[in-house]
Amino acid sequence: CSLSAVRQYRSRVSGPLLDRLDLHVEVPPVDFEDLNRAQKSECSADIRSRVNRARGIQQARYQGSGVTCNANLTPDLLHTVCQMTEKAKALLKTAFDRLGLSARAYDRVLKVARTIADLEGAEVIDTGHILEAVQFRSLDRKYWQA
């Protein structure tokens, strides 16, 4: 789409609505060369196994709380289960300030970072988890930043 068409469409999506989405990622078209590579990608069974392990971690963590996964974290549990290293906290503060994230977007980034950490089997959220979670807020970065 042209830049003006993107702007027109974007004007119909409010910031508060966008804040309610955990992930928003632009997906560029795939190049023929990328499709034609002989390199093998990760198989679905391996991905499924990793996701099931992360879900198992979450189910054990939230047992008896009424919460089933990170996406459903309540505000009172959010800071309890989303423990971060000091460097991760500093990085999240920088991202929050530079991107002008709302409180709701901040919570979403934390929940996504917790999930990324679970996929890696990490108990504490570190800088890599925060960086990846912030990357999943591409519309905050690209379109809604002044």
Protein backbone atom coordinates (compact mmCIF):
# COMPACT_ATOMS: atom_id res chain seq x y z
CA CYS A 1 0.00 0.00 0.00
CA SER A 2 1.06 3.57 -0.50
CA LEU A 3 2.10 5.58 2.53
CA SER A 4 -1.07 7.67 2.30
CA ALA A 5 -3.25 4.51 2.21
CA VAL A 6 -1.44 3.19 5.29
CA ARG A 7 -1.95 6.50 7.08
CA GLN A 8 -5.65 6.53 6.18
CA TYR A 9 -6.14 2.98 7.46
CA ARG A 10 -4.06 3.68 10.56
CA SER A 11 -6.24 6.66 11.43
CA ARG A 12 -9.16 4.25 11.88
CA VAL A 13 -7.34 2.22 14.55
CA SER A 14 -7.24 3.86 17.95
CA GLY A 15 -4.31 3.62 20.34
CA PRO A 16 -6.50 2.16 23.12
CA LEU A 17 -7.70 -0.58 20.76
CA LEU A 18 -4.13 -1.34 19.70
CA ASP A 19 -3.10 -1.52 23.37
CA ARG A 20 -5.47 -4.46 23.83
CA LEU A 21 -3.52 -6.60 21.34
CA ASP A 22 -0.63 -8.60 22.84
CA LEU A 23 1.25 -8.90 19.55
CA HIS A 24 1.32 -6.79 16.43
CA VAL A 25 3.93 -7.62 13.86
CA GLU A 26 4.38 -6.58 10.28
CA VAL A 27 5.13 -9.51 8.01
CA PRO A 28 6.96 -8.57 4.83
CA PRO A 29 6.57 -10.61 1.65
CA VAL A 30 8.86 -13.64 1.38
CA ASP A 31 11.60 -13.51 -1.25
CA PHE A 32 11.85 -16.33 -3.77
CA GLU A 33 15.44 -16.96 -2.66
CA ASP A 34 14.26 -17.55 0.90
CA LEU A 35 11.64 -20.04 -0.26
CA ASN A 36 14.09 -21.82 -2.55
CA ARG A 37 16.82 -22.40 0.06
CA ALA A 38 17.90 -25.93 0.83
CA GLN A 39 18.32 -25.02 4.51
CA LYS A 40 15.91 -26.89 6.75
CA SER A 41 13.76 -24.99 9.19
CA GLU A 42 12.63 -26.15 12.60
CA CYS A 43 10.01 -28.89 12.31
CA SER A 44 6.50 -28.46 13.69
CA ALA A 45 6.95 -31.32 16.17
CA ASP A 46 9.90 -29.53 17.80
CA ILE A 47 7.96 -26.27 17.99
CA ARG A 48 4.92 -28.06 19.45
CA SER A 49 7.12 -29.72 22.07
CA ARG A 50 8.64 -26.38 23.13
CA VAL A 51 5.22 -24.73 23.32
CA ASN A 52 3.78 -27.61 25.34
CA ARG A 53 6.72 -27.38 27.78
CA ALA A 54 6.07 -23.64 28.22
CA ARG A 55 2.35 -24.28 28.74
CA GLY A 56 3.22 -26.90 31.36
CA ILE A 57 5.40 -24.36 33.19
CA GLN A 58 2.51 -21.88 33.16
CA GLN A 59 -0.07 -24.41 34.32
CA ALA A 60 2.15 -25.40 37.24
CA ARG A 61 2.86 -21.75 38.11
CA TYR A 62 -0.79 -20.74 38.14
CA GLN A 63 -2.26 -23.89 39.68
CA GLY A 64 -5.15 -22.96 41.94
CA SER A 65 -5.10 -19.27 40.97
CA GLY A 66 -7.79 -19.36 38.29
CA VAL A 67 -5.21 -18.17 35.74
CA THR A 68 -4.36 -20.61 32.96
CA CYS A 69 -1.64 -18.81 31.01
CA ASN A 70 0.46 -15.64 30.93
CA ALA A 71 -2.03 -13.83 28.69
CA ASN A 72 -4.62 -14.04 31.49
CA LEU A 73 -2.37 -12.69 34.24
CA THR A 74 -4.12 -10.40 36.67
CA PRO A 75 -2.46 -7.12 37.69
CA ASP A 76 -1.78 -8.42 41.21
CA LEU A 77 0.03 -11.50 39.83
CA LEU A 78 1.84 -9.66 37.05
CA HIS A 79 4.70 -8.28 39.11
CA THR A 80 4.94 -11.42 41.22
CA VAL A 81 5.50 -13.80 38.30
CA CYS A 82 7.30 -11.38 35.97
CA GLN A 83 10.50 -11.08 37.97
CA MET A 84 13.23 -9.36 35.94
CA THR A 85 16.96 -8.83 36.18
CA GLU A 86 18.01 -5.25 36.94
CA LYS A 87 19.28 -4.86 33.36
CA ALA A 88 15.93 -6.06 32.02
CA LYS A 89 14.10 -3.53 34.22
CA ALA A 90 16.34 -0.73 32.96
CA LEU A 91 15.79 -1.79 29.35
CA LEU A 92 12.01 -1.94 29.83
CA LYS A 93 12.06 1.54 31.37
CA THR A 94 14.02 2.85 28.39
CA ALA A 95 11.59 1.24 25.93
CA PHE A 96 8.63 2.56 27.93
CA ASP A 97 10.00 6.10 27.88
CA ARG A 98 11.17 6.13 24.24
CA LEU A 99 8.08 4.49 22.78
CA GLY A 100 5.64 6.32 25.03
CA LEU A 101 3.98 3.03 25.97
CA SER A 102 0.74 3.12 27.91
CA ALA A 103 0.28 1.23 31.17
CA ARG A 104 -1.71 -1.39 29.27
CA ALA A 105 1.06 -1.80 26.65
CA TYR A 106 3.62 -2.09 29.47
CA ASP A 107 1.61 -4.97 30.95
CA ARG A 108 1.36 -6.64 27.54
CA VAL A 109 5.13 -6.41 27.02
CA LEU A 110 5.71 -7.99 30.44
CA LYS A 111 3.30 -10.85 29.71
CA VAL A 112 4.91 -11.54 26.34
CA ALA A 113 8.41 -11.37 27.87
CA ARG A 114 7.27 -13.88 30.54
CA THR A 115 6.08 -16.21 27.77
CA ILE A 116 9.36 -15.86 25.86
CA ALA A 117 11.26 -16.67 29.06
CA ASP A 118 9.00 -19.72 29.59
CA LEU A 119 9.74 -20.92 26.05
CA GLU A 120 13.44 -20.81 26.96
CA GLY A 121 12.85 -22.39 30.37
CA ALA A 122 14.13 -19.27 32.16
CA GLU A 123 12.75 -18.44 35.61
CA VAL A 124 13.67 -14.74 35.45
CA ILE A 125 13.01 -12.34 32.57
CA ASP A 126 16.25 -11.01 31.11
CA THR A 127 17.16 -8.36 28.55
CA GLY A 128 16.80 -10.68 25.56
CA HIS A 129 13.24 -11.50 26.57
CA ILE A 130 12.37 -7.80 26.91
CA LEU A 131 13.99 -6.95 23.57
CA GLU A 132 12.03 -9.67 21.79
CA ALA A 133 8.75 -8.69 23.50
CA VAL A 134 9.22 -5.04 22.51
CA GLN A 135 9.80 -6.16 18.91
CA PHE A 136 6.30 -7.62 18.99
CA ARG A 137 4.96 -4.08 19.52
CA SER A 138 5.91 -2.93 16.01
CA LEU A 139 2.87 -0.73 15.53
CA ASP A 140 3.67 1.17 18.73
CA ARG A 141 7.16 1.82 17.36
CA LYS A 142 6.31 2.53 13.74
CA TYR A 143 2.98 4.29 13.65
CA TRP A 144 1.93 5.68 16.98
CA GLN A 145 5.18 7.27 18.06
CA ALA A 146 5.38 11.00 17.50
